[in-house]
Amino acid sequence: METIVSSKGQIVLPSTLRKRDNIRTGQRFSVERLRSGDYRLVRQQTAGDDLVAWLRSCPEKNYFEAPKFTDTTDDILR
């Protein structure tokens, strides 16, 4: 895939890559210079990324269930 550097030094990631890797507006990346002409782009982790990945790894839909409460506040106050 090819992309072009703008006059402001910006590079656009092709939409196929953004869709495949779920890259959204505002996500941060670091750029590492490996050697002259070779660079590496690395997406930075955000606070909720690990949680989202963990939830997506659940074995099946409806794996988590809300607790069932039978007591009401009236029962507790007695």
N, C-alpha and C. Protein backbone atom coordinates (compact mmCIF):
# COMPACT_ATOMS: atom_id res chain seq x y z
N MET A 1 0.84 -1.17 0.00
CA MET A 1 0.00 0.00 0.00
C MET A 1 0.88 1.23 0.00
N GLU A 2 0.40 2.24 -0.63
CA GLU A 2 1.13 3.50 -0.68
C GLU A 2 0.31 4.62 -0.07
N THR A 3 1.01 5.62 0.42
CA THR A 3 0.38 6.83 0.92
C THR A 3 1.31 7.98 0.61
N ILE A 4 0.85 9.19 0.74
CA ILE A 4 1.63 10.38 0.40
C ILE A 4 1.76 11.26 1.64
N VAL A 5 2.94 11.85 1.81
CA VAL A 5 3.16 12.80 2.90
C VAL A 5 2.66 14.16 2.43
N SER A 6 1.81 14.80 3.25
CA SER A 6 1.26 16.12 2.88
C SER A 6 2.31 17.21 3.13
N SER A 7 1.99 18.43 2.72
CA SER A 7 2.90 19.56 2.93
C SER A 7 3.09 19.85 4.42
N LYS A 8 2.16 19.37 5.25
CA LYS A 8 2.27 19.54 6.70
C LYS A 8 2.97 18.36 7.37
N GLY A 9 3.44 17.38 6.57
CA GLY A 9 4.13 16.22 7.13
C GLY A 9 3.19 15.13 7.59
N GLN A 10 1.93 15.22 7.22
CA GLN A 10 0.94 14.23 7.65
C GLN A 10 0.90 13.06 6.68
N ILE A 11 0.67 11.87 7.23
CA ILE A 11 0.53 10.66 6.43
C ILE A 11 -0.84 10.06 6.72
N VAL A 12 -1.56 9.70 5.68
CA VAL A 12 -2.89 9.10 5.84
C VAL A 12 -2.74 7.59 5.79
N LEU A 13 -3.30 6.92 6.80
CA LEU A 13 -3.34 5.46 6.77
C LEU A 13 -4.49 5.04 5.86
N PRO A 14 -4.25 4.13 4.93
CA PRO A 14 -5.32 3.69 4.04
C PRO A 14 -6.50 3.12 4.83
N SER A 15 -7.71 3.34 4.32
CA SER A 15 -8.93 2.93 5.03
C SER A 15 -8.97 1.43 5.28
N THR A 16 -8.40 0.63 4.39
CA THR A 16 -8.41 -0.82 4.61
C THR A 16 -7.65 -1.18 5.89
N LEU A 17 -6.54 -0.50 6.15
CA LEU A 17 -5.79 -0.75 7.39
C LEU A 17 -6.56 -0.26 8.61
N ARG A 18 -7.16 0.94 8.48
CA ARG A 18 -7.92 1.49 9.61
C ARG A 18 -9.08 0.59 9.98
N LYS A 19 -9.77 0.07 9.00
CA LYS A 19 -10.91 -0.81 9.28
C LYS A 19 -10.45 -2.14 9.87
N ARG A 20 -9.41 -2.71 9.28
CA ARG A 20 -8.92 -4.02 9.74
C ARG A 20 -8.44 -3.98 11.18
N ASP A 21 -7.80 -2.88 11.57
CA ASP A 21 -7.22 -2.78 12.91
C ASP A 21 -8.02 -1.90 13.85
N ASN A 22 -9.24 -1.52 13.45
CA ASN A 22 -10.13 -0.73 14.29
C ASN A 22 -9.46 0.56 14.78
N ILE A 23 -8.82 1.26 13.86
CA ILE A 23 -8.16 2.53 14.20
C ILE A 23 -9.20 3.64 14.09
N ARG A 24 -9.33 4.40 15.17
CA ARG A 24 -10.35 5.44 15.24
C ARG A 24 -9.71 6.83 15.34
N THR A 25 -10.48 7.83 15.03
CA THR A 25 -10.05 9.22 15.12
C THR A 25 -9.57 9.53 16.54
N GLY A 26 -8.44 10.19 16.63
CA GLY A 26 -7.93 10.61 17.94
C GLY A 26 -6.99 9.62 18.59
N GLN A 27 -6.87 8.40 18.07
CA GLN A 27 -5.93 7.45 18.66
C GLN A 27 -4.51 7.94 18.43
N ARG A 28 -3.64 7.66 19.38
CA ARG A 28 -2.26 8.14 19.32
C ARG A 28 -1.32 7.02 18.88
N PHE A 29 -0.30 7.44 18.15
CA PHE A 29 0.73 6.52 17.66
C PHE A 29 2.10 7.11 17.95
N SER A 30 3.08 6.26 18.09
CA SER A 30 4.46 6.73 18.16
C SER A 30 5.15 6.27 16.88
N VAL A 31 6.11 7.07 16.45
CA VAL A 31 6.88 6.75 15.24
C VAL A 31 8.31 6.50 15.68
N GLU A 32 8.84 5.36 15.30
CA GLU A 32 10.23 5.01 15.63
C GLU A 32 11.03 4.98 14.34
N ARG A 33 12.18 5.61 14.36
CA ARG A 33 13.07 5.56 13.20
C ARG A 33 13.97 4.35 13.38
N LEU A 34 13.85 3.38 12.50
CA LEU A 34 14.67 2.17 12.57
C LEU A 34 16.04 2.42 11.95
N ARG A 35 16.05 3.02 10.78
CA ARG A 35 17.27 3.45 10.07
C ARG A 35 16.81 4.38 8.96
N SER A 36 17.70 4.96 8.25
CA SER A 36 17.36 5.91 7.20
C SER A 36 16.35 5.31 6.21
N GLY A 37 15.17 5.92 6.15
CA GLY A 37 14.14 5.47 5.21
C GLY A 37 13.20 4.42 5.75
N ASP A 38 13.48 3.85 6.94
CA ASP A 38 12.63 2.81 7.52
C ASP A 38 12.08 3.30 8.87
N TYR A 39 10.76 3.25 9.00
CA TYR A 39 10.10 3.74 10.21
C TYR A 39 9.09 2.70 10.68
N ARG A 40 8.78 2.77 11.94
CA ARG A 40 7.79 1.86 12.53
C ARG A 40 6.74 2.71 13.24
N LEU A 41 5.49 2.43 12.95
CA LEU A 41 4.35 3.12 13.55
C LEU A 41 3.73 2.20 14.58
N VAL A 42 3.59 2.67 15.84
CA VAL A 42 3.08 1.84 16.93
C VAL A 42 1.92 2.54 17.60
N ARG A 43 0.76 1.87 17.64
CA ARG A 43 -0.40 2.45 18.32
C ARG A 43 -0.18 2.42 19.82
N GLN A 44 -0.48 3.53 20.48
CA GLN A 44 -0.32 3.64 21.93
C GLN A 44 -1.56 3.07 22.62
N GLN A 45 -1.35 2.40 23.72
CA GLN A 45 -2.45 1.85 24.51
C GLN A 45 -3.13 2.98 25.27
N THR A 46 -4.45 2.91 25.36
CA THR A 46 -5.19 3.84 26.20
C THR A 46 -5.70 3.08 27.42
N ALA A 47 -6.19 3.79 28.39
CA ALA A 47 -6.59 3.18 29.67
C ALA A 47 -7.59 2.05 29.49
N GLY A 48 -8.56 2.19 28.60
CA GLY A 48 -9.61 1.19 28.47
C GLY A 48 -9.32 0.08 27.48
N ASP A 49 -8.20 0.15 26.75
CA ASP A 49 -7.93 -0.85 25.73
C ASP A 49 -7.84 -2.26 26.29
N ASP A 50 -7.15 -2.43 27.41
CA ASP A 50 -7.00 -3.76 27.99
C ASP A 50 -8.35 -4.31 28.45
N LEU A 51 -9.18 -3.48 29.02
CA LEU A 51 -10.50 -3.90 29.48
C LEU A 51 -11.35 -4.33 28.29
N VAL A 52 -11.34 -3.54 27.24
CA VAL A 52 -12.13 -3.86 26.05
C VAL A 52 -11.66 -5.18 25.45
N ALA A 53 -10.36 -5.36 25.34
CA ALA A 53 -9.82 -6.62 24.79
C ALA A 53 -10.24 -7.80 25.67
N TRP A 54 -10.20 -7.60 26.97
CA TRP A 54 -10.59 -8.68 27.89
C TRP A 54 -12.07 -9.03 27.72
N LEU A 55 -12.92 -8.01 27.64
CA LEU A 55 -14.35 -8.27 27.48
C LEU A 55 -14.65 -8.95 26.14
N ARG A 56 -13.93 -8.54 25.10
CA ARG A 56 -14.14 -9.16 23.79
C ARG A 56 -13.68 -10.61 23.77
N SER A 57 -12.82 -11.00 24.68
CA SER A 57 -12.33 -12.37 24.70
C SER A 57 -13.23 -13.32 25.48
N CYS A 58 -14.36 -12.83 25.98
CA CYS A 58 -15.30 -13.68 26.72
C CYS A 58 -15.70 -14.87 25.84
N PRO A 59 -15.87 -16.02 26.43
CA PRO A 59 -16.12 -17.22 25.63
C PRO A 59 -17.43 -17.23 24.86
N GLU A 60 -18.43 -16.55 25.33
CA GLU A 60 -19.71 -16.59 24.61
C GLU A 60 -20.55 -15.37 24.98
N LYS A 61 -21.54 -15.11 24.18
CA LYS A 61 -22.43 -13.99 24.45
C LYS A 61 -23.19 -14.25 25.74
N ASN A 62 -23.46 -13.21 26.49
CA ASN A 62 -24.16 -13.28 27.78
C ASN A 62 -23.39 -14.09 28.83
N TYR A 63 -22.05 -14.11 28.69
CA TYR A 63 -21.20 -14.82 29.64
C TYR A 63 -21.34 -14.21 31.03
N PHE A 64 -21.40 -12.88 31.08
CA PHE A 64 -21.56 -12.19 32.36
C PHE A 64 -23.03 -11.95 32.62
N GLU A 65 -23.46 -12.20 33.83
CA GLU A 65 -24.84 -11.95 34.21
C GLU A 65 -24.86 -11.00 35.40
N ALA A 66 -25.83 -10.13 35.40
CA ALA A 66 -25.99 -9.22 36.53
C ALA A 66 -26.42 -10.03 37.75
N PRO A 67 -25.94 -9.67 38.93
CA PRO A 67 -26.36 -10.40 40.13
C PRO A 67 -27.85 -10.25 40.36
N LYS A 68 -28.44 -11.29 40.90
CA LYS A 68 -29.89 -11.27 41.18
C LYS A 68 -30.09 -10.91 42.65
N PHE A 69 -30.73 -9.77 42.86
CA PHE A 69 -30.98 -9.32 44.21
C PHE A 69 -32.44 -9.61 44.56
N THR A 70 -32.65 -10.19 45.72
CA THR A 70 -34.02 -10.46 46.15
C THR A 70 -34.43 -9.54 47.28
N ASP A 71 -33.45 -9.01 47.98
CA ASP A 71 -33.77 -8.11 49.09
C ASP A 71 -34.07 -6.72 48.57
N THR A 72 -34.98 -6.05 49.22
CA THR A 72 -35.24 -4.64 48.93
C THR A 72 -34.75 -3.82 50.11
N THR A 73 -34.77 -2.52 49.95
CA THR A 73 -34.33 -1.69 51.07
C THR A 73 -35.27 -1.84 52.26
N ASP A 74 -36.53 -2.15 52.00
CA ASP A 74 -37.47 -2.38 53.11
C ASP A 74 -37.04 -3.59 53.94
N ASP A 75 -36.55 -4.63 53.28
CA ASP A 75 -36.10 -5.83 53.99
C ASP A 75 -34.86 -5.52 54.83
N ILE A 76 -33.99 -4.68 54.34
CA ILE A 76 -32.75 -4.37 55.05
C ILE A 76 -33.03 -3.53 56.28
N LEU A 77 -33.97 -2.62 56.20
CA LEU A 77 -34.24 -1.69 57.30
C LEU A 77 -35.02 -2.33 58.45
N ARG A 78 -35.55 -3.49 58.28
CA ARG A 78 -36.33 -4.12 59.35
C ARG A 78 -35.49 -4.65 60.45
